[in-house]
């Protein structure tokens, strides 16, 4: 009987540890979430909004020129999809490079770096 209790206790400990790991891995820090006040979130295709592409282009271009890697990635998306600009895959790739160089991990992933 004591042996079964030890095994049951060990199973419970494993279950608690696995649950804690799953919860911890699914939590996104607040600083990593893009909010509605994030000017670069305006071009997120998941938002399904019809934003002002000219204003978005200006805001995003200024951010990229200022060294914001995320802005460069969004600018690359605008050129890739033709949002507010003509489709230009070469320019989109260049902005992804700038985004990666600016520390944006998603830009690096898109470049397979």
Protein backbone atom coordinates (compact mmCIF):
# COMPACT_ATOMS: atom_id res chain seq x y z
CA UNK A 1 0.00 0.00 0.00
CA UNK A 2 2.72 2.62 0.82
CA UNK A 3 4.34 1.83 -2.53
CA UNK A 4 1.13 2.72 -4.39
CA UNK A 5 0.89 5.99 -2.47
CA UNK A 6 4.46 6.91 -3.43
CA UNK A 7 3.71 6.13 -7.08
CA UNK A 8 0.49 8.12 -6.97
CA UNK A 9 2.31 11.04 -5.34
CA UNK A 10 5.03 10.85 -8.00
CA UNK A 11 2.40 10.84 -10.76
CA UNK A 12 0.70 13.87 -9.24
CA UNK A 13 4.03 15.70 -9.06
CA UNK A 14 4.74 14.94 -12.71
CA UNK A 15 1.26 16.05 -13.69
CA UNK A 16 1.63 19.32 -11.78
CA UNK A 17 5.05 19.96 -13.35
CA UNK A 18 3.78 19.29 -16.88
CA UNK A 19 0.73 21.50 -16.33
CA UNK A 20 2.92 24.33 -15.01
CA UNK A 21 5.21 23.99 -18.03
CA UNK A 22 2.28 24.11 -20.45
CA UNK A 23 0.80 27.15 -18.76
CA UNK A 24 4.15 28.94 -18.67
CA UNK A 25 4.82 28.27 -22.34
CA UNK A 26 1.44 29.63 -23.43
CA UNK A 27 1.73 32.91 -21.55
CA UNK A 28 2.84 35.85 -23.70
CA UNK A 29 4.36 38.78 -21.84
CA UNK A 30 2.33 41.96 -22.09
CA UNK A 31 5.26 43.75 -23.73
CA UNK A 32 5.21 41.24 -26.59
CA UNK A 33 1.54 41.74 -27.41
CA UNK A 34 0.61 44.27 -30.07
CA UNK A 35 -2.15 46.52 -28.88
CA UNK A 36 -4.47 48.81 -30.77
CA UNK A 37 -2.19 51.73 -29.92
CA UNK A 38 0.69 50.07 -31.79
CA UNK A 39 1.03 52.02 -35.06
CA UNK A 40 2.65 49.06 -36.81
CA UNK A 41 -0.26 46.81 -35.93
CA UNK A 42 -2.36 48.74 -38.46
CA UNK A 43 -1.11 46.55 -41.31
CA UNK A 44 -1.58 43.25 -39.54
CA UNK A 45 -3.54 41.14 -42.04
CA UNK A 46 -5.24 39.36 -39.14
CA UNK A 47 -7.01 42.60 -38.13
CA UNK A 48 -9.23 42.75 -41.24
CA UNK A 49 -9.50 46.51 -41.19
CA UNK A 50 -9.42 48.91 -44.08
CA UNK A 51 -6.87 51.35 -42.68
CA UNK A 52 -5.47 54.39 -44.37
CA UNK A 53 -2.62 52.88 -46.40
CA UNK A 54 -0.93 56.23 -47.10
CA UNK A 55 -0.86 57.13 -43.42
CA UNK A 56 0.22 53.60 -42.50
CA UNK A 57 2.99 53.73 -45.10
CA UNK A 58 4.32 57.04 -43.77
CA UNK A 59 4.18 55.93 -40.13
CA UNK A 60 5.80 52.60 -40.90
CA UNK A 61 8.50 54.07 -43.12
CA UNK A 62 9.44 56.59 -40.40
CA UNK A 63 9.64 53.80 -37.84
CA UNK A 64 11.82 51.66 -40.09
CA UNK A 65 14.12 54.57 -40.89
CA UNK A 66 14.37 55.13 -37.13
CA UNK A 67 15.69 51.60 -36.66
CA UNK A 68 12.49 49.84 -35.55
CA UNK A 69 12.80 46.28 -36.85
CA UNK A 70 9.09 45.55 -36.45
CA UNK A 71 8.24 48.58 -38.58
CA UNK A 72 10.62 47.33 -41.27
CA UNK A 73 8.89 43.92 -41.23
CA UNK A 74 5.48 45.54 -41.64
CA UNK A 75 6.83 47.73 -44.44
CA UNK A 76 8.12 44.55 -46.10
CA UNK A 77 4.60 43.11 -45.83
CA UNK A 78 3.13 46.18 -47.45
CA UNK A 79 5.50 45.85 -50.41
CA UNK A 80 4.99 42.11 -50.59
CA UNK A 81 1.17 42.42 -50.63
CA UNK A 82 0.92 45.72 -52.52
CA UNK A 83 -0.87 47.56 -49.68
CA UNK A 84 -0.53 51.29 -50.43
CA UNK A 85 2.41 50.62 -52.76
CA UNK A 86 3.10 48.55 -55.84
CA UNK A 87 4.10 44.94 -55.27
CA UNK A 88 7.90 44.81 -55.09
CA UNK A 89 9.31 41.55 -53.73
CA UNK A 90 12.92 42.74 -53.93
CA UNK A 91 12.16 45.81 -51.83
CA UNK A 92 10.11 43.67 -49.43
CA UNK A 93 13.12 41.39 -48.93
CA UNK A 94 15.38 44.38 -48.30
CA UNK A 95 13.02 45.67 -45.61
CA UNK A 96 12.98 42.21 -44.03
CA UNK A 97 16.79 42.34 -43.92
CA UNK A 98 16.61 45.73 -42.25
CA UNK A 99 14.04 44.37 -39.80
CA UNK A 100 16.27 41.43 -38.94
CA UNK A 101 19.26 43.73 -38.54
CA UNK A 102 17.07 45.87 -36.29
CA UNK A 103 16.46 42.93 -33.98
CA UNK A 104 13.02 41.76 -35.17
CA UNK A 105 13.06 37.97 -34.78
CA UNK A 106 10.06 37.46 -37.08
CA UNK A 107 11.91 39.24 -39.89
CA UNK A 108 14.85 36.91 -39.35
CA UNK A 109 12.55 33.87 -39.44
CA UNK A 110 10.99 35.03 -42.70
CA UNK A 111 14.50 35.31 -44.13
CA UNK A 112 15.37 31.87 -42.73
CA UNK A 113 18.21 33.32 -40.68
